[in-house]
Amino acid sequence: MTLTPVDTYALDVVEGRVLAGKYHRLSCQRHLSDRAREATTGFPFRFDWARVERFVRFAGQLKHYKGEWAGQPIVLQPHQVFRLGSLFAWVNTETGLRRYRTSYNELPRKSGKSLEAAVVVLYAAFFDDEPGAEGYTIATKRDQAKIVFNDAKKLVQSSGLKTRIAIRVANLHNVASASKLEPLGADHDSTDGLNPHIVCVDEFHAHKDRGLIDVMETATGARRQPIFFQITTAGDDPVSPCGDQHDYACKILDGVIVDETFFGFIAHADEGDDWLDERTWQKANPNWDVSVKPDDMRALATKAQHMPSAAATFKQKRLNVWVNATSVCLSIEGWKRGQSREWRGDPRSLDVPELHHERCFVGIDLASKIDLCAVTFAFPPSPGRPTWRWLQQIWSPEDTLVERALKDRAPYLVWRDQGWLQTTTGVRLDHQKLIDAILAAREIYDIEAIGYDEWHADKIIDDLITVHGFDKDHVLAVSQTYKGMSSACLHVQADILAGEVDAGGCPVTAWCISNTAANIDGKENLMFAKGRSRGRIDPVISATIATALWLRQPDETAVEVGAWVL
């Protein structure tokens, strides 16, 4: 593979020669991994450097119109060549159409986002070989949408493009190609009849609802290779359209979700970094010492040191850290280290020969009848096997699967087809499936106890005892309180961090691990919290219930873990 400047930048980041936060590095690692996958089965994309060169030449013919570089050609910085090159160069091997439909770019203030976006929308609207291309810059207000549009207009005026692109107050257009670029705000009178080829979402974090965004996404359906180009600084509301997009980008970069059409890049300081350290500032700002001036950062940091409100703003706007965000409490890196795909086989099967006759603790999460439901068969470490094994069965109603996949932004249909997610007919879960799974497991494993959430006790519990003969002393309620769950939550958290939990590579559980947040009380007791988590965590809860049962065993030294001895 011949290295291009995009590859070189990615290598410099991954190998530590360029300071970068976690998701900056993961974006670069994803690119390098994809380059290694070119021409392999199951990866229908190739990297076309000539397309990057064409875009870079176009940008170089545009001129700055204000500030210290006024009149000088635009020179894309290495991180811009990486991000924008990735957008334009990755194409489908067979069709030649662009791979990425969405480009999510989250950078601190003063990173040149608006000017960069103006270059992208000009190129896509007028030089992307798309007949009748429609480009829109959108924001919560039309005045905000005009920021990128006006930058684009100034670039046309300052760079000799006026002979090709006609300029109006709120419209750029080319008669020959029937292409246009316009600003559009959520306060616009109508969005009927739009057919966008390029949509630029400016300051995504300011959008309080998805109304205009959903309209524009739907409107791109008639285009061959539309672009949703999103630029933003970190926000302060994780439960927002941008908060959801940030979370989705993180899950893709973490490898929890696969979406080959989504490019994500987040420049940020990492949790635990010293926010007053200049190396942290450089890590969070790829345009350091270009448009981000060290003296300006020092002055702002000095003020922030002495004003709590200024400190929060500095971290959010200059280090790109989401404030008031709910942090997940489980390690996705530790989870990945623990996974083995060899032992699981068919994920629908409960029969794992190497676990036959081993002691097993069963956790049932019955909390939802319309979303996910999970049963975990948890096998504690044993001589010769230092890790936990979680054999999980996860169900969801079939009739609402498509709708909930869109709502939860999770590939439920893919997981269903792969066997990791099983479905039941209708819009509600059929709990008989859970009973059948437990009965099948009883024949091949030594089930010591079955645990369930007492607030969601169901006919299933009575059936297990009265119909199927399980000893009532071994079918136990596990209170969903700090007293009932904290020790188990702390134990699961520690085991996952250490890479000592193996669920056979289940992607549904990996997604739930990446969603899980916790409540912590004044005594440092911890409890996984569905209400605070970013998505479903049912398989995590069922596994934790099983762990709580194991911790109750009098011969287990592990009962010392956590704040409660059960």
Protein backbone atom coordinates (compact mmCIF):
# COMPACT_ATOMS: atom_id res chain seq x y z
CA MET A 1 0.00 0.00 0.00
CA THR A 2 1.40 3.36 -1.04
CA LEU A 3 1.01 5.82 1.81
CA THR A 4 -0.94 9.00 1.13
CA PRO A 5 -0.98 12.11 3.35
CA VAL A 6 -4.26 10.81 4.81
CA ASP A 7 -2.57 7.55 5.81
CA THR A 8 0.51 9.33 7.12
CA TYR A 9 -1.55 11.58 9.36
CA ALA A 10 -3.50 8.59 10.69
CA LEU A 11 -0.26 6.76 11.46
CA ASP A 12 1.21 9.79 13.21
CA VAL A 13 -1.85 9.99 15.45
CA VAL A 14 -2.09 6.28 16.20
CA GLU A 15 1.64 5.99 16.91
CA GLY A 16 1.62 9.04 19.20
CA ARG A 17 3.56 11.53 17.13
CA VAL A 18 0.50 13.77 17.05
CA LEU A 19 -1.25 14.40 20.36
CA ALA A 20 -4.86 13.23 20.21
CA GLY A 21 -7.75 12.18 22.41
CA LYS A 22 -9.30 8.73 22.40
CA TYR A 23 -11.87 9.22 19.64
CA HIS A 24 -9.48 11.21 17.48
CA ARG A 25 -7.13 8.21 17.64
CA LEU A 26 -9.92 5.72 17.02
CA SER A 27 -11.02 7.60 13.92
CA CYS A 28 -7.49 7.33 12.57
CA GLN A 29 -7.24 3.68 13.58
CA ARG A 30 -10.51 2.95 11.79
CA HIS A 31 -9.08 4.47 8.61
CA LEU A 32 -5.91 2.38 8.82
CA SER A 33 -7.89 -0.78 9.56
CA ASP A 34 -10.11 -0.09 6.57
CA ARG A 35 -7.10 0.47 4.34
CA ALA A 36 -5.88 -2.97 5.40
CA ARG A 37 -9.30 -4.42 4.50
CA GLU A 38 -9.30 -3.11 0.93
CA ALA A 39 -9.77 -5.83 -1.70
CA THR A 40 -10.90 -8.34 0.96
CA THR A 41 -14.15 -10.28 1.01
CA GLY A 42 -16.97 -8.45 2.70
CA PHE A 43 -15.44 -4.97 2.39
CA PRO A 44 -16.76 -3.32 -0.79
CA PHE A 45 -14.84 -0.05 -0.51
CA ARG A 46 -11.59 1.40 -1.81
CA PHE A 47 -9.64 4.57 -1.06
CA ASP A 48 -9.23 6.80 -4.12
CA TRP A 49 -6.46 9.32 -3.40
CA ALA A 50 -7.05 11.10 -6.72
CA ARG A 51 -10.38 12.35 -5.34
CA VAL A 52 -8.60 13.86 -2.36
CA GLU A 53 -6.11 15.58 -4.63
CA ARG A 54 -8.95 17.07 -6.67
CA PHE A 55 -10.64 18.44 -3.54
CA VAL A 56 -7.37 19.81 -2.13
CA ARG A 57 -6.64 21.55 -5.45
CA PHE A 58 -10.09 23.10 -5.35
CA ALA A 59 -9.59 24.36 -1.80
CA GLY A 60 -6.19 25.76 -2.77
CA GLN A 61 -7.78 27.93 -5.45
CA LEU A 62 -9.99 29.61 -2.87
CA LYS A 63 -8.69 32.60 -0.94
CA HIS A 64 -9.12 33.75 2.62
CA TYR A 65 -11.08 36.97 2.76
CA LYS A 66 -10.50 38.18 6.34
CA GLY A 67 -7.97 38.15 9.16
CA GLU A 68 -4.26 37.56 9.01
CA TRP A 69 -4.49 35.33 5.91
CA ALA A 70 -6.75 37.59 3.84
CA GLY A 71 -5.93 37.24 0.16
CA GLN A 72 -3.87 34.08 0.65
CA PRO A 73 -4.89 30.66 -0.77
CA ILE A 74 -6.54 28.26 1.66
CA VAL A 75 -4.11 25.59 2.81
CA LEU A 76 -5.84 22.60 4.40
CA GLN A 77 -4.20 21.43 7.60
CA PRO A 78 -3.26 17.73 7.99
CA HIS A 79 -6.30 16.93 10.15
CA GLN A 80 -8.55 18.58 7.53
CA VAL A 81 -6.94 16.58 4.72
CA PHE A 82 -7.55 13.47 6.82
CA ARG A 83 -11.19 14.21 7.62
CA LEU A 84 -12.28 15.70 4.30
CA GLY A 85 -10.13 13.32 2.33
CA SER A 86 -11.82 10.43 4.08
CA LEU A 87 -15.22 11.84 3.15
CA PHE A 88 -14.48 12.24 -0.54
CA ALA A 89 -12.02 9.40 -1.22
CA TRP A 90 -13.72 6.31 0.20
CA VAL A 91 -15.95 4.92 -2.55
CA ASN A 92 -17.87 1.75 -3.30
CA THR A 93 -15.70 -0.60 -5.35
CA GLU A 94 -18.50 -1.55 -7.74
CA THR A 95 -20.49 1.67 -8.12
CA GLY A 96 -17.81 4.31 -7.54
CA LEU A 97 -20.26 6.17 -5.31
CA ARG A 98 -19.18 7.66 -2.01
CA ARG A 99 -19.11 5.38 1.00
CA TYR A 100 -19.84 8.02 3.64
CA ARG A 101 -23.24 9.68 3.67
CA THR A 102 -22.77 11.35 7.07
CA SER A 103 -19.64 13.19 8.22
CA TYR A 104 -19.77 14.16 11.90
CA ASN A 105 -17.04 16.62 12.88
CA GLU A 106 -16.82 17.72 16.51
CA LEU A 107 -14.04 20.21 17.23
CA PRO A 108 -13.39 23.05 19.70
CA ARG A 109 -14.00 26.68 18.89
CA LYS A 110 -11.57 28.53 16.65
CA SER A 111 -10.85 25.38 14.65
CA GLY A 112 -11.95 26.96 11.39
CA LYS A 113 -15.11 24.83 11.20
CA SER A 114 -17.31 27.36 9.41
CA LEU A 115 -14.76 28.20 6.71
CA GLU A 116 -14.02 24.51 6.22
CA ALA A 117 -17.74 23.80 5.91
CA ALA A 118 -18.06 26.58 3.34
CA VAL A 119 -15.37 24.93 1.21
CA VAL A 120 -17.14 21.56 1.45
CA VAL A 121 -20.59 22.87 0.51
CA LEU A 122 -19.21 24.87 -2.41
CA TYR A 123 -17.38 21.85 -3.76
CA ALA A 124 -20.28 19.45 -3.27
CA ALA A 125 -22.92 21.81 -4.66
CA PHE A 126 -21.06 22.99 -7.75
CA PHE A 127 -18.07 20.70 -8.48
CA ASP A 128 -19.25 17.21 -7.48
CA ASP A 129 -20.58 16.18 -10.91
CA GLU A 130 -24.12 16.03 -9.54
CA PRO A 131 -26.65 17.52 -12.02
CA GLY A 132 -29.13 19.85 -10.37
CA ALA A 133 -27.33 19.65 -7.05
CA GLU A 134 -29.08 21.39 -4.17
CA GLY A 135 -26.99 22.48 -1.21
CA TYR A 136 -28.31 23.80 2.08
CA THR A 137 -26.68 25.17 5.19
CA ILE A 138 -29.07 24.61 8.07
CA ALA A 139 -29.22 25.75 11.66
CA THR A 140 -31.77 26.49 14.36
CA LYS A 141 -32.23 29.99 12.95
CA ARG A 142 -31.77 31.18 9.38
CA ASP A 143 -29.35 33.85 10.59
CA GLN A 144 -27.14 31.09 12.05
CA ALA A 145 -27.42 29.11 8.82
CA LYS A 146 -26.16 32.18 6.97
CA ILE A 147 -22.79 32.02 8.75
CA VAL A 148 -21.52 29.13 6.63
CA PHE A 149 -23.48 30.37 3.61
CA ASN A 150 -21.95 33.85 3.88
CA ASP A 151 -18.48 32.31 4.16
CA ALA A 152 -19.22 30.40 0.97
CA LYS A 153 -20.46 33.60 -0.71
CA LYS A 154 -17.30 35.50 0.33
CA LEU A 155 -15.14 32.68 -1.02
CA VAL A 156 -16.89 32.94 -4.38
CA GLN A 157 -16.37 36.70 -4.41
CA SER A 158 -12.71 36.58 -3.36
CA SER A 159 -11.60 33.65 -5.50
CA GLY A 160 -12.71 34.42 -9.02
CA LEU A 161 -15.65 32.02 -9.05
CA LYS A 162 -18.15 34.76 -9.89
CA THR A 163 -17.90 33.84 -13.55
CA ARG A 164 -19.28 30.38 -12.75
CA ILE A 165 -21.49 30.98 -9.71
CA ALA A 166 -24.09 33.74 -9.56
CA ILE A 167 -24.53 35.52 -6.24
CA ARG A 168 -27.77 36.63 -4.62
CA VAL A 169 -28.51 37.74 -1.06
CA ALA A 170 -29.52 34.25 0.06
CA ASN A 171 -28.69 32.14 -2.97
CA LEU A 172 -25.69 30.95 -4.96
CA HIS A 173 -26.48 29.22 -8.22
CA ASN A 174 -25.11 27.96 -11.50
CA VAL A 175 -27.60 28.09 -14.37
CA ALA A 176 -25.73 25.62 -16.60
CA SER A 177 -25.77 22.81 -14.05
CA ALA A 178 -29.02 23.92 -12.33
CA SER A 179 -27.20 23.76 -9.01
CA LYS A 180 -27.73 26.02 -6.02
CA LEU A 181 -26.73 26.70 -2.41
CA GLU A 182 -29.02 28.35 0.14
CA PRO A 183 -29.23 28.90 3.91
CA LEU A 184 -32.18 27.34 5.71
CA GLY A 185 -33.29 27.67 9.31
CA ALA A 186 -35.78 25.74 11.42
CA ASP A 187 -37.80 28.98 11.38
CA HIS A 188 -38.14 28.80 7.57
CA ASP A 189 -41.69 28.98 6.22
CA SER A 190 -41.57 25.72 4.29
CA THR A 191 -39.27 22.82 3.48
CA ASP A 192 -41.54 21.31 0.82
CA GLY A 193 -40.01 20.18 -2.46
CA LEU A 194 -36.39 20.01 -1.27
CA ASN A 195 -34.04 17.52 -2.92
CA PRO A 196 -30.68 18.11 -1.22
CA HIS A 197 -27.38 16.71 -2.40
CA ILE A 198 -25.32 18.37 0.36
CA VAL A 199 -26.64 19.47 3.74
CA CYS A 200 -24.38 21.25 6.20
CA VAL A 201 -25.60 21.30 9.81
CA ASP A 202 -23.90 24.18 11.60
CA GLU A 203 -23.44 24.12 15.41
CA PHE A 204 -25.35 20.87 15.68
CA HIS A 205 -25.36 21.04 19.48
CA ALA A 206 -27.75 24.02 19.36
CA HIS A 207 -30.54 21.95 17.78
CA LYS A 208 -33.12 21.14 20.47
CA ASP A 209 -35.15 18.79 18.31
CA ARG A 210 -34.70 16.75 15.13
CA GLY A 211 -37.53 18.37 13.13
CA LEU A 212 -35.51 20.07 10.39
CA ILE A 213 -32.76 17.44 10.48
CA ASP A 214 -35.25 14.61 9.91
CA VAL A 215 -36.91 16.53 7.07
CA MET A 216 -33.57 17.03 5.33
CA GLU A 217 -32.45 13.42 5.85
CA THR A 218 -35.70 12.17 4.37
CA ALA A 219 -35.40 14.56 1.43
CA THR A 220 -32.01 13.15 0.34
CA GLY A 221 -33.58 9.85 -0.69
CA ALA A 222 -33.59 10.66 -4.41
CA ARG A 223 -29.84 11.42 -4.53
CA ARG A 224 -27.17 8.88 -5.48
CA GLN A 225 -24.56 9.94 -2.92
CA PRO A 226 -25.84 12.71 -0.65
CA ILE A 227 -23.70 14.21 2.11
CA PHE A 228 -24.84 15.20 5.57
CA PHE A 229 -21.90 17.31 6.75
CA GLN A 230 -22.21 18.09 10.45
CA ILE A 231 -19.99 20.49 12.39
CA THR A 232 -20.25 21.29 16.05
CA THR A 233 -18.57 22.01 19.32
CA ALA A 234 -19.36 19.82 22.33
CA GLY A 235 -22.73 20.59 23.88
CA ASP A 236 -24.15 20.58 27.38
CA ASP A 237 -27.20 18.36 26.85
CA PRO A 238 -26.50 14.68 26.19
CA VAL A 239 -30.23 14.09 25.69
CA SER A 240 -30.42 16.10 22.46
CA PRO A 241 -30.07 15.42 18.73
CA CYS A 242 -26.36 16.24 18.85
CA GLY A 243 -25.90 14.30 22.08
CA ASP A 244 -27.41 11.27 20.37
CA GLN A 245 -25.17 11.76 17.33
CA HIS A 246 -22.09 12.15 19.53
CA ASP A 247 -22.99 8.93 21.34
CA TYR A 248 -23.60 7.14 18.03
CA ALA A 249 -20.24 8.30 16.67
CA CYS A 250 -18.49 7.06 19.82
CA LYS A 251 -20.14 3.64 19.53
CA ILE A 252 -19.01 3.32 15.91
CA LEU A 253 -15.45 4.33 16.77
CA ASP A 254 -15.46 1.98 19.76
CA GLY A 255 -16.45 -0.82 17.40
CA VAL A 256 -19.73 -1.47 19.21
CA ILE A 257 -21.86 -0.62 16.17
CA VAL A 258 -20.91 -1.04 12.51
CA ASP A 259 -22.11 1.70 10.15
CA GLU A 260 -19.99 1.86 7.03
CA THR A 261 -21.75 5.03 5.83
CA PHE A 262 -20.92 7.17 8.87
CA PHE A 263 -17.64 9.05 9.34
CA GLY A 264 -16.98 10.33 12.84
CA PHE A 265 -14.20 12.55 14.16
CA ILE A 266 -14.08 14.03 17.67
CA ALA A 267 -11.15 16.16 18.86
CA HIS A 268 -11.22 16.35 22.64
CA ALA A 269 -9.40 16.19 25.95
CA ASP A 270 -9.64 12.82 27.67
CA GLU A 271 -11.25 12.21 31.03
CA GLY A 272 -8.62 12.68 33.71
CA ASP A 273 -6.46 15.05 31.66
CA ASP A 274 -5.15 18.13 33.46
CA TRP A 275 -7.23 20.84 31.83
CA LEU A 276 -4.59 23.48 32.65
CA ASP A 277 -1.79 21.56 30.93
CA GLU A 278 -0.84 22.94 27.51
CA ARG A 279 -0.36 19.42 26.19
CA THR A 280 -4.03 18.84 26.92
CA TRP A 281 -4.88 21.96 24.94
CA GLN A 282 -2.84 20.71 22.00
CA LYS A 283 -4.48 17.27 22.22
CA ALA A 284 -7.95 18.78 22.00
CA ASN A 285 -7.13 21.31 19.28
CA PRO A 286 -5.77 19.89 16.01
CA ASN A 287 -5.52 23.46 14.70
CA TRP A 288 -3.15 24.38 17.55
CA ASP A 289 -0.89 27.32 16.75
CA VAL A 290 -2.72 27.89 13.46
CA SER A 291 -6.17 29.31 14.16
CA VAL A 292 -6.02 28.30 17.83
CA LYS A 293 -3.53 30.71 19.39
CA PRO A 294 -1.53 29.61 22.46
CA ASP A 295 -1.60 33.11 23.99
CA ASP A 296 -5.37 33.27 23.69
CA MET A 297 -5.71 29.85 25.35
CA ARG A 298 -3.42 30.91 28.20
CA ALA A 299 -5.47 34.03 28.85
CA LEU A 300 -8.73 32.08 28.86
CA ALA A 301 -7.25 29.40 31.14
CA THR A 302 -6.06 32.02 33.63
CA LYS A 303 -9.59 33.41 33.82
CA ALA A 304 -11.09 29.94 34.09
CA GLN A 305 -8.80 29.07 36.97
CA HIS A 306 -10.48 31.67 39.13
CA MET A 307 -14.08 31.48 37.88
CA PRO A 308 -15.99 28.16 38.07
CA SER A 309 -18.43 29.25 35.36
CA ALA A 310 -15.56 30.21 33.06
CA ALA A 311 -13.89 26.87 33.77
CA ALA A 312 -16.95 24.96 32.55
CA THR A 313 -17.08 27.07 29.40
CA PHE A 314 -13.36 26.61 28.79
CA LYS A 315 -13.63 22.83 29.06
CA GLN A 316 -16.67 22.66 26.82
CA LYS A 317 -15.80 25.16 24.13
CA ARG A 318 -12.00 24.99 24.08
CA LEU A 319 -11.33 21.37 25.09
CA ASN A 320 -14.47 19.96 23.48
CA VAL A 321 -15.66 18.18 26.62
CA TRP A 322 -19.37 17.55 27.01
CA VAL A 323 -20.54 19.08 30.27
CA ASN A 324 -23.44 17.64 32.26
CA ALA A 325 -22.91 14.44 30.32
CA THR A 326 -23.68 11.04 31.79
CA SER A 327 -20.55 8.92 31.72
CA VAL A 328 -20.79 5.22 31.11
CA CYS A 329 -19.44 3.21 34.02
CA LEU A 330 -18.29 0.04 32.26
CA SER A 331 -15.13 -0.31 30.20
CA ILE A 332 -15.77 -1.19 26.57
CA GLU A 333 -12.02 -1.79 26.14
CA GLY A 334 -12.04 -4.26 29.03
CA TRP A 335 -15.14 -5.88 27.62
CA LYS A 336 -13.48 -6.43 24.25
CA ARG A 337 -10.40 -7.97 25.89
CA GLY A 338 -12.57 -10.58 27.54
CA GLN A 339 -14.45 -11.73 24.47
CA SER A 340 -13.83 -14.98 22.66
CA ARG A 341 -15.89 -15.99 19.63
CA GLU A 342 -14.65 -19.58 19.51
CA TRP A 343 -16.64 -21.08 22.36
CA ARG A 344 -20.08 -19.69 21.60
CA GLY A 345 -20.89 -21.27 18.24
CA ASP A 346 -24.50 -20.65 17.22
CA PRO A 347 -25.69 -17.80 19.47
CA ARG A 348 -29.20 -19.26 19.41
CA SER A 349 -27.97 -22.48 20.98
CA LEU A 350 -27.87 -22.98 24.72
CA ASP A 351 -25.76 -26.11 24.35
CA VAL A 352 -22.08 -25.29 24.97
CA PRO A 353 -20.33 -28.65 25.56
CA GLU A 354 -17.38 -27.23 27.46
CA LEU A 355 -19.76 -25.80 30.05
CA HIS A 356 -21.77 -29.00 30.56
CA HIS A 357 -22.56 -29.75 34.20
CA GLU A 358 -20.86 -26.61 35.46
CA ARG A 359 -22.53 -24.61 38.21
CA CYS A 360 -24.70 -21.89 36.77
CA PHE A 361 -26.55 -18.87 38.13
CA VAL A 362 -29.50 -17.54 36.14
CA GLY A 363 -30.52 -13.87 36.03
CA ILE A 364 -33.81 -12.77 34.48
CA ASP A 365 -34.64 -9.21 33.48
CA LEU A 366 -38.38 -8.98 32.93
CA ALA A 367 -38.57 -5.20 33.21
CA SER A 368 -39.87 -4.64 29.67
CA LYS A 369 -42.45 -6.55 27.65
CA ILE A 370 -42.22 -4.32 24.58
CA ASP A 371 -38.45 -3.75 24.15
CA LEU A 372 -35.71 -6.18 25.21
CA CYS A 373 -35.83 -9.05 27.64
CA ALA A 374 -32.79 -11.04 28.71
CA VAL A 375 -31.83 -14.20 30.55
CA THR A 376 -28.21 -14.69 31.52
CA PHE A 377 -26.74 -18.07 32.40
CA ALA A 378 -23.63 -17.03 34.32
CA PHE A 379 -20.81 -19.51 34.93
CA PRO A 380 -18.30 -18.38 37.60
CA PRO A 381 -14.56 -18.88 37.08
CA SER A 382 -13.46 -22.44 37.65
CA PRO A 383 -10.14 -24.30 37.84
CA GLY A 384 -8.43 -23.80 34.50
CA ARG A 385 -10.82 -21.02 33.47
CA PRO A 386 -10.17 -17.65 35.15
CA THR A 387 -12.98 -15.76 33.42
CA TRP A 388 -16.73 -15.59 33.81
CA ARG A 389 -18.80 -17.03 31.00
CA TRP A 390 -22.11 -15.36 30.21
CA LEU A 391 -24.40 -17.42 28.01
CA GLN A 392 -27.20 -14.99 27.16
CA GLN A 393 -30.56 -15.27 25.48
CA ILE A 394 -32.03 -11.92 24.42
CA TRP A 395 -35.50 -11.43 22.95
CA SER A 396 -37.51 -8.63 21.40
CA PRO A 397 -40.97 -8.38 19.77
CA GLU A 398 -40.78 -8.92 16.01
CA ASP A 399 -43.59 -6.63 14.90
CA THR A 400 -42.02 -3.43 16.25
CA LEU A 401 -38.38 -4.31 15.58
CA VAL A 402 -37.85 -1.94 12.63
CA GLU A 403 -39.44 1.00 14.43
CA ARG A 404 -37.39 0.45 17.59
CA ALA A 405 -34.18 -0.07 15.63
CA LEU A 406 -34.61 3.44 14.24
CA LYS A 407 -35.56 4.87 17.63
CA ASP A 408 -32.71 3.19 19.52
CA ARG A 409 -30.21 3.62 16.65
CA ALA A 410 -29.24 -0.01 17.02
CA PRO A 411 -28.88 -2.66 14.26
CA TYR A 412 -31.52 -4.96 15.74
CA LEU A 413 -32.31 -6.51 12.36
CA VAL A 414 -28.64 -7.38 11.77
CA TRP A 415 -28.37 -8.92 15.24
CA ARG A 416 -31.58 -10.84 14.64
CA ASP A 417 -30.28 -12.25 11.37
CA GLN A 418 -26.99 -13.20 13.04
CA GLY A 419 -28.83 -15.00 15.84
CA TRP A 420 -27.73 -12.75 18.70
CA LEU A 421 -31.22 -11.29 19.11
CA GLN A 422 -34.23 -13.56 19.02
CA THR A 423 -37.74 -12.34 18.32
CA THR A 424 -41.23 -13.35 19.37
CA THR A 425 -44.35 -12.86 17.26
CA GLY A 426 -46.42 -9.74 17.93
CA VAL A 427 -45.79 -6.50 19.76
CA ARG A 428 -45.26 -8.01 23.21
CA LEU A 429 -42.72 -10.51 24.42
CA ASP A 430 -43.78 -14.11 24.84
CA HIS A 431 -42.35 -15.12 28.21
CA GLN A 432 -42.80 -18.78 27.38
CA LYS A 433 -39.58 -18.41 25.39
CA LEU A 434 -37.74 -17.60 28.62
CA ILE A 435 -39.22 -20.63 30.37
CA ASP A 436 -38.25 -22.89 27.47
CA ALA A 437 -34.67 -21.61 27.58
CA ILE A 438 -34.37 -22.20 31.33
CA LEU A 439 -35.84 -25.70 31.00
CA ALA A 440 -33.38 -26.53 28.21
CA ALA A 441 -30.46 -25.24 30.28
CA ARG A 442 -31.55 -27.29 33.30
CA GLU A 443 -30.88 -30.47 31.33
CA ILE A 444 -27.20 -29.70 30.71
CA TYR A 445 -26.04 -27.27 33.43
CA ASP A 446 -26.06 -27.34 37.22
CA ILE A 447 -28.44 -24.45 37.90
CA GLU A 448 -27.90 -23.42 41.51
CA ALA A 449 -30.27 -20.43 41.64
CA ILE A 450 -32.55 -18.29 39.49
CA GLY A 451 -32.86 -14.59 40.25
CA TYR A 452 -35.39 -11.97 39.19
CA ASP A 453 -36.42 -8.40 39.92
CA GLU A 454 -39.13 -8.59 42.58
CA TRP A 455 -40.88 -5.47 41.24
CA HIS A 456 -41.44 -7.22 37.94
CA ALA A 457 -42.33 -10.68 39.21
CA ASP A 458 -44.52 -12.36 36.67
CA LYS A 459 -46.48 -15.53 36.02
CA ILE A 460 -43.18 -16.91 34.74
CA ILE A 461 -41.87 -17.18 38.30
CA ASP A 462 -44.94 -19.07 39.52
CA ASP A 463 -44.73 -21.38 36.52
CA LEU A 464 -41.08 -22.19 37.15
CA ILE A 465 -41.96 -23.30 40.69
CA THR A 466 -45.46 -24.78 40.49
CA VAL A 467 -45.45 -26.18 36.95
CA HIS A 468 -41.81 -27.00 36.26
CA GLY A 469 -40.67 -28.07 39.71
CA PHE A 470 -37.93 -25.59 40.55
CA ASP A 471 -37.29 -25.39 44.28
CA LYS A 472 -38.81 -22.15 45.57
CA ASP A 473 -35.75 -21.67 47.79
CA HIS A 474 -33.66 -21.42 44.64
CA VAL A 475 -35.89 -19.02 42.69
CA LEU A 476 -35.06 -15.77 44.42
CA ALA A 477 -35.99 -12.12 44.21
CA VAL A 478 -33.04 -9.76 43.87
CA SER A 479 -34.02 -6.31 45.06
CA GLN A 480 -33.18 -3.55 42.58
CA THR A 481 -31.73 -1.37 45.33
CA TYR A 482 -28.24 -0.50 46.50
CA LYS A 483 -28.50 -3.21 49.13
CA GLY A 484 -29.61 -5.82 46.64
CA MET A 485 -27.37 -4.93 43.69
CA SER A 486 -24.40 -2.75 44.67
CA SER A 487 -21.99 -5.58 45.45
CA ALA A 488 -22.88 -7.32 42.22
CA CYS A 489 -22.60 -4.11 40.18
CA LEU A 490 -19.16 -3.39 41.64
CA HIS A 491 -18.08 -6.95 40.97
CA VAL A 492 -19.30 -6.88 37.36
CA GLN A 493 -17.66 -3.49 36.84
CA ALA A 494 -14.30 -4.75 38.15
CA ASP A 495 -14.43 -8.00 36.17
CA ILE A 496 -15.25 -6.22 32.91
CA LEU A 497 -12.47 -3.69 33.49
CA ALA A 498 -10.04 -6.57 34.01
CA GLY A 499 -11.20 -8.36 30.83
CA GLU A 500 -12.53 -11.29 32.87
CA VAL A 501 -16.04 -11.58 31.42
CA ASP A 502 -16.59 -13.58 28.24
CA ALA A 503 -19.99 -13.52 26.51
CA GLY A 504 -18.73 -15.11 23.32
CA GLY A 505 -18.50 -11.78 21.50
CA CYS A 506 -22.22 -10.98 21.76
CA PRO A 507 -22.64 -7.60 20.00
CA VAL A 508 -25.98 -6.88 21.69
CA THR A 509 -24.36 -7.07 25.12
CA ALA A 510 -21.40 -5.02 23.91
CA TRP A 511 -23.85 -2.29 22.87
CA CYS A 512 -25.53 -2.47 26.27
CA ILE A 513 -22.14 -2.30 28.02
CA SER A 514 -21.42 0.92 26.11
CA ASN A 515 -24.79 2.32 27.24
CA THR A 516 -24.57 1.56 30.94
CA ALA A 517 -24.48 4.43 33.42
CA ALA A 518 -24.78 4.21 37.18
CA ASN A 519 -26.12 5.92 40.25
CA ILE A 520 -23.71 6.29 43.18
CA ASP A 521 -24.88 7.13 46.70
CA GLY A 522 -23.05 8.98 49.46
CA LYS A 523 -21.33 5.79 50.61
CA GLU A 524 -19.91 5.04 47.16
CA ASN A 525 -22.40 2.23 46.58
CA LEU A 526 -22.97 1.82 42.86
CA MET A 527 -26.00 0.62 40.93
CA PHE A 528 -26.49 0.35 37.19
CA ALA A 529 -29.31 2.71 36.24
CA LYS A 530 -31.62 2.20 33.28
CA GLY A 531 -33.00 5.70 33.69
CA ARG A 532 -29.60 7.35 33.27
CA SER A 533 -28.21 5.05 30.58
CA ARG A 534 -28.06 6.08 26.92
CA GLY A 535 -29.82 2.97 25.64
CA ARG A 536 -30.96 -0.51 26.62
CA ILE A 537 -28.97 -2.34 29.28
CA ASP A 538 -31.24 -5.35 29.93
CA PRO A 539 -28.58 -8.07 29.33
CA VAL A 540 -26.26 -6.23 31.77
CA ILE A 541 -28.97 -6.18 34.44
CA SER A 542 -29.78 -9.87 34.00
CA ALA A 543 -26.09 -10.77 34.27
CA THR A 544 -25.74 -8.61 37.38
CA ILE A 545 -28.74 -10.33 38.98
CA ALA A 546 -27.01 -13.67 38.31
CA THR A 547 -23.82 -12.31 39.88
CA ALA A 548 -25.78 -11.17 42.95
CA LEU A 549 -26.95 -14.76 43.45
CA TRP A 550 -23.39 -16.04 43.20
CA LEU A 551 -22.27 -13.52 45.81
CA ARG A 552 -24.85 -14.91 48.23
CA GLN A 553 -23.16 -18.29 48.30
CA PRO A 554 -21.59 -18.79 51.76
CA ASP A 555 -18.51 -20.55 50.38
CA GLU A 556 -17.58 -17.69 48.01
CA THR A 557 -14.76 -15.45 49.21
CA ALA A 558 -16.00 -12.89 46.68
CA VAL A 559 -18.75 -11.75 49.05
CA GLU A 560 -16.25 -9.26 50.45
CA VAL A 561 -16.45 -7.19 47.25
CA GLY A 562 -18.48 -4.01 47.36
CA ALA A 563 -20.30 -2.11 50.04
CA TRP A 564 -22.77 -4.85 51.00
CA VAL A 565 -22.23 -8.40 52.21
CA LEU A 566 -25.23 -10.42 51.10
